[in-house]
Amino acid sequence: MVASPGGPGGRDRVRSLVGFGVVVVIAGLLALGVWQLERRAWKHDLIARVDARLAAAPVAAPGPADWPAVSRERDEYRRVEATGRLLHDREIPVQAVTARGPGYWILTPLETPGFTLLVNRGFVPQDRRDPATRPAGQVAGEVVVTGLLRLTEPGGGFLRANDPAAGRWYSRDVAAIAEAGGLGATAPYFIDADATPNPGGLPVGGLTVIHFRDSHLSYALTWFALAAGLAAAVGIVRRRR
């Protein structure tokens, strides 16, 4: 004789399934909390590594032999320097919003022996996008650029895709900018120039914002609290029964 779903046997099975589901949910919430704590430890390690890079003396910008090994984890925000000639006729303005207001980052190719790399020379306001409005900043001859190594930003920004054909750039997409400018062998990174003043005051370098959001502890506590609350609710229901 088989018990009906509404009989005692059927109710017991339903309770067992519900109980199992609750255990799975609680375990999932606890796992999410533990994962957030692991992410917090990773984030703190990353912040410590970046702080060490910022305090270190600049090293030579990686050349072609080192490009395959360049990574965000190991190299981003490393202080580097490079010597070469700025190709001002191929500079690219990239839309930017900074503490100084809206304007543009000025990305200029730096021609070094053996390869080219892009230098974000700094910020200019909207009315100084045209290089003719800041001729003093178009430095000629050999220069030494010091700054922070940054990884490419493909895909656009400000909810807009880059439009190379129209000369509209919303992110610092190194590969796309190099292709549009016919630059040839170009490093897969760019350099954010430091705050060394440019002649005439523009572009303004040294505006890199280094910020790592660290909300992992609050997220972990939220997941643990949800797990504890669900477990407490189950305990109350069982006691009432």
Protein backbone atom coordinates (compact mmCIF):
# COMPACT_ATOMS: atom_id res chain seq x y z
CA MET A 1 0.00 0.00 0.00
CA VAL A 2 1.49 3.35 -1.09
CA ALA A 3 0.99 6.41 1.10
CA SER A 4 -0.78 9.32 -0.59
CA PRO A 5 1.13 12.58 -1.00
CA GLY A 6 -1.15 14.12 1.60
CA GLY A 7 -0.69 11.29 4.11
CA PRO A 8 1.89 11.06 6.89
CA GLY A 9 4.48 9.39 4.62
CA GLY A 10 4.10 12.04 1.92
CA ARG A 11 4.42 14.88 4.42
CA ASP A 12 7.56 13.34 5.86
CA ARG A 13 9.13 13.15 2.41
CA VAL A 14 8.24 16.79 1.69
CA ARG A 15 9.73 17.84 5.03
CA SER A 16 12.89 15.89 4.26
CA LEU A 17 13.24 17.55 0.86
CA VAL A 18 12.63 20.99 2.35
CA GLY A 19 15.14 20.29 5.12
CA PHE A 20 17.73 19.16 2.60
CA GLY A 21 17.12 22.27 0.50
CA VAL A 22 17.56 24.52 3.53
CA VAL A 23 20.86 22.81 4.40
CA VAL A 24 22.08 23.32 0.84
CA VAL A 25 21.13 27.01 0.94
CA ILE A 26 22.87 27.54 4.29
CA ALA A 27 25.99 25.77 3.00
CA GLY A 28 25.92 27.96 -0.12
CA LEU A 29 25.66 31.13 1.95
CA LEU A 30 28.57 30.04 4.15
CA ALA A 31 30.63 29.23 1.05
CA LEU A 32 29.96 32.70 -0.35
CA GLY A 33 31.08 34.24 2.94
CA VAL A 34 34.30 32.24 2.93
CA TRP A 35 34.91 33.19 -0.73
CA GLN A 36 34.58 36.87 0.14
CA LEU A 37 37.13 36.48 2.93
CA GLU A 38 39.51 34.85 0.45
CA ARG A 39 38.90 37.71 -1.99
CA ARG A 40 39.63 40.18 0.82
CA ALA A 41 42.99 38.52 1.51
CA TRP A 42 43.80 38.60 -2.21
CA LYS A 43 42.82 42.29 -2.45
CA HIS A 44 44.98 43.25 0.52
CA ASP A 45 47.91 41.39 -1.00
CA LEU A 46 47.35 43.23 -4.29
CA ILE A 47 47.24 46.60 -2.52
CA ALA A 48 50.49 45.80 -0.70
CA ARG A 49 52.17 44.81 -3.98
CA VAL A 50 50.99 47.99 -5.73
CA ASP A 51 52.18 50.14 -2.83
CA ALA A 52 55.60 48.51 -3.13
CA ARG A 53 55.69 49.21 -6.88
CA LEU A 54 54.80 52.86 -6.34
CA ALA A 55 57.60 53.27 -3.80
CA ALA A 56 60.24 51.55 -5.95
CA ALA A 57 62.68 53.28 -8.28
CA PRO A 58 61.61 53.28 -11.95
CA VAL A 59 62.83 50.47 -14.19
CA ALA A 60 63.19 50.35 -17.96
CA ALA A 61 59.89 49.97 -19.81
CA PRO A 62 59.54 46.33 -20.99
CA GLY A 63 60.77 45.72 -24.53
CA PRO A 64 59.42 43.28 -27.13
CA ALA A 65 61.13 40.25 -25.56
CA ASP A 66 59.25 40.90 -22.30
CA TRP A 67 55.83 41.70 -23.75
CA PRO A 68 54.40 38.15 -23.54
CA ALA A 69 55.05 38.11 -19.79
CA VAL A 70 53.51 41.52 -19.04
CA SER A 71 50.43 41.02 -16.86
CA ARG A 72 48.03 43.03 -14.74
CA GLU A 73 48.87 41.03 -11.62
CA ARG A 74 52.63 41.51 -11.91
CA ASP A 75 53.17 44.78 -13.74
CA GLU A 76 50.28 47.25 -13.51
CA TYR A 77 51.25 50.47 -11.68
CA ARG A 78 54.94 49.56 -11.84
CA ARG A 79 57.11 52.68 -12.15
CA VAL A 80 58.92 52.65 -15.49
CA GLU A 81 60.84 55.03 -17.71
CA ALA A 82 61.59 55.18 -21.41
CA THR A 83 63.70 57.39 -23.65
CA GLY A 84 62.72 58.37 -27.16
CA ARG A 85 61.06 60.89 -29.44
CA LEU A 86 57.41 61.91 -29.08
CA LEU A 87 55.40 61.69 -32.31
CA HIS A 88 53.12 64.65 -31.70
CA ASP A 89 51.56 64.47 -35.16
CA ARG A 90 50.00 61.15 -34.15
CA GLU A 91 48.69 62.04 -30.70
CA ILE A 92 45.23 60.73 -29.79
CA PRO A 93 42.81 62.53 -27.45
CA VAL A 94 40.81 60.11 -25.31
CA GLN A 95 37.75 61.34 -23.46
CA ALA A 96 38.35 61.71 -19.72
CA VAL A 97 36.62 62.88 -16.56
CA THR A 98 39.00 63.88 -13.79
CA ALA A 99 39.16 65.94 -10.61
CA ARG A 100 39.89 68.86 -12.96
CA GLY A 101 36.65 68.31 -14.85
CA PRO A 102 35.88 66.82 -18.26
CA GLY A 103 38.44 66.84 -21.02
CA TYR A 104 40.89 64.49 -22.69
CA TRP A 105 43.88 62.30 -22.00
CA ILE A 106 46.56 63.00 -24.59
CA LEU A 107 48.10 59.73 -25.77
CA THR A 108 51.26 60.28 -27.78
CA PRO A 109 53.45 57.59 -29.36
CA LEU A 110 57.01 57.52 -28.04
CA GLU A 111 59.44 56.18 -30.61
CA THR A 112 62.25 54.31 -28.84
CA PRO A 113 65.05 52.18 -30.33
CA GLY A 114 63.34 49.02 -31.59
CA PHE A 115 59.72 49.69 -30.69
CA THR A 116 57.04 52.26 -30.02
CA LEU A 117 54.95 52.72 -26.89
CA LEU A 118 52.03 54.98 -26.05
CA VAL A 119 52.42 57.64 -23.39
CA ASN A 120 49.46 59.19 -21.66
CA ARG A 121 51.11 62.59 -21.27
CA GLY A 122 48.24 63.83 -19.13
CA PHE A 123 45.00 65.77 -19.10
CA VAL A 124 43.86 68.78 -21.12
CA PRO A 125 40.50 70.56 -20.76
CA GLN A 126 37.96 70.38 -23.56
CA ASP A 127 38.94 73.71 -25.08
CA ARG A 128 42.61 72.64 -25.36
CA ARG A 129 42.09 69.43 -27.31
CA ASP A 130 43.65 70.93 -30.43
CA PRO A 131 47.46 70.76 -30.09
CA ALA A 132 47.65 74.17 -31.80
CA THR A 133 46.24 75.67 -28.57
CA ARG A 134 49.20 74.34 -26.54
CA PRO A 135 52.26 74.57 -28.81
CA ALA A 136 54.74 74.88 -25.93
CA GLY A 137 53.84 71.36 -24.80
CA GLN A 138 54.80 69.78 -28.14
CA VAL A 139 58.30 68.94 -26.98
CA ALA A 140 60.81 68.15 -29.73
CA GLY A 141 63.92 66.01 -29.58
CA GLU A 142 64.79 63.19 -27.21
CA VAL A 143 62.84 63.01 -23.96
CA VAL A 144 62.81 60.74 -20.92
CA VAL A 145 59.32 59.73 -19.81
CA THR A 146 58.73 58.41 -16.30
CA GLY A 147 55.42 57.11 -15.09
CA LEU A 148 53.23 54.12 -14.27
CA LEU A 149 52.80 51.09 -16.51
CA ARG A 150 49.13 50.61 -17.36
CA LEU A 151 47.42 47.80 -19.24
CA THR A 152 45.33 48.38 -22.34
CA GLU A 153 41.65 49.28 -21.99
CA PRO A 154 39.87 47.61 -24.93
CA GLY A 155 36.20 47.96 -25.71
CA GLY A 156 35.54 51.64 -25.15
CA GLY A 157 34.15 53.48 -22.14
CA PHE A 158 31.42 55.86 -20.97
CA LEU A 159 28.98 53.25 -22.37
CA ARG A 160 30.35 54.00 -25.84
CA ALA A 161 32.51 52.01 -28.21
CA ASN A 162 35.64 53.55 -29.66
CA ASP A 163 35.16 54.82 -33.20
CA PRO A 164 38.63 54.97 -34.80
CA ALA A 165 37.31 56.01 -38.21
CA ALA A 166 35.70 59.11 -36.71
CA GLY A 167 38.57 59.78 -34.30
CA ARG A 168 36.39 59.26 -31.22
CA TRP A 169 38.11 57.45 -28.38
CA TYR A 170 36.56 56.64 -25.03
CA SER A 171 39.18 54.25 -23.66
CA ARG A 172 42.90 53.73 -24.01
CA ASP A 173 42.78 50.71 -26.29
CA VAL A 174 46.46 50.30 -27.17
CA ALA A 175 46.07 47.85 -30.05
CA ALA A 176 43.29 49.84 -31.73
CA ILE A 177 45.13 53.16 -31.34
CA ALA A 178 48.34 51.63 -32.70
CA GLU A 179 46.50 50.21 -35.71
CA ALA A 180 44.68 53.48 -36.40
CA GLY A 181 47.97 55.39 -36.24
CA GLY A 182 49.97 52.88 -38.26
CA LEU A 183 52.51 52.61 -35.48
CA GLY A 184 53.89 49.15 -36.21
CA ALA A 185 55.43 47.19 -33.32
CA THR A 186 53.79 48.80 -30.28
CA ALA A 187 54.02 47.76 -26.63
CA PRO A 188 50.82 46.14 -25.26
CA TYR A 189 50.73 48.69 -22.45
CA PHE A 190 50.89 52.47 -22.07
CA ILE A 191 52.62 54.74 -19.59
CA ASP A 192 50.74 57.20 -17.41
CA ALA A 193 53.26 60.06 -17.23
CA ASP A 194 54.12 61.37 -13.77
CA ALA A 195 53.55 64.90 -12.53
CA THR A 196 56.73 66.35 -14.09
CA PRO A 197 55.43 69.64 -15.58
CA ASN A 198 55.24 69.93 -19.36
CA PRO A 199 56.29 73.21 -21.00
CA GLY A 200 53.33 75.56 -21.05
CA GLY A 201 51.60 73.54 -18.30
CA LEU A 202 49.73 71.14 -20.59
CA PRO A 203 49.10 68.26 -20.65
CA VAL A 204 48.90 67.79 -16.86
CA GLY A 205 50.41 64.47 -15.82
CA GLY A 206 50.39 62.61 -12.53
CA LEU A 207 46.61 62.29 -12.31
CA THR A 208 46.45 58.50 -12.15
CA VAL A 209 43.75 57.46 -9.67
CA ILE A 210 44.76 54.32 -7.81
CA HIS A 211 41.80 52.98 -5.91
CA PHE A 212 40.85 49.43 -5.04
CA ARG A 213 37.35 48.90 -3.76
CA ASP A 214 37.50 46.79 -0.60
CA SER A 215 33.99 45.81 0.51
CA HIS A 216 34.68 42.10 0.84
CA LEU A 217 34.40 42.00 4.64
CA SER A 218 30.95 43.60 4.62
CA TYR A 219 29.86 41.18 1.90
CA ALA A 220 31.20 38.22 3.91
CA LEU A 221 29.38 39.37 7.05
CA THR A 222 26.18 39.74 5.01
CA TRP A 223 26.38 36.15 3.71
CA PHE A 224 27.22 34.80 7.17
CA ALA A 225 24.33 36.76 8.71
CA LEU A 226 21.91 35.39 6.13
CA ALA A 227 23.11 31.84 6.86
CA ALA A 228 22.76 32.39 10.62
CA GLY A 229 19.31 33.95 10.20
CA LEU A 230 18.07 31.07 8.07
CA ALA A 231 19.46 28.51 10.52
CA ALA A 232 17.80 30.35 13.42
CA ALA A 233 14.47 30.45 11.57
CA VAL A 234 14.64 26.71 10.93
CA GLY A 235 15.42 26.11 14.61
CA ILE A 236 12.39 28.16 15.69
CA VAL A 237 10.08 26.26 13.35
CA ARG A 238 11.36 22.90 14.60
CA ARG A 239 10.87 23.91 18.24
CA ARG A 240 7.31 25.03 17.57
CA ARG A 241 6.56 21.66 16.01
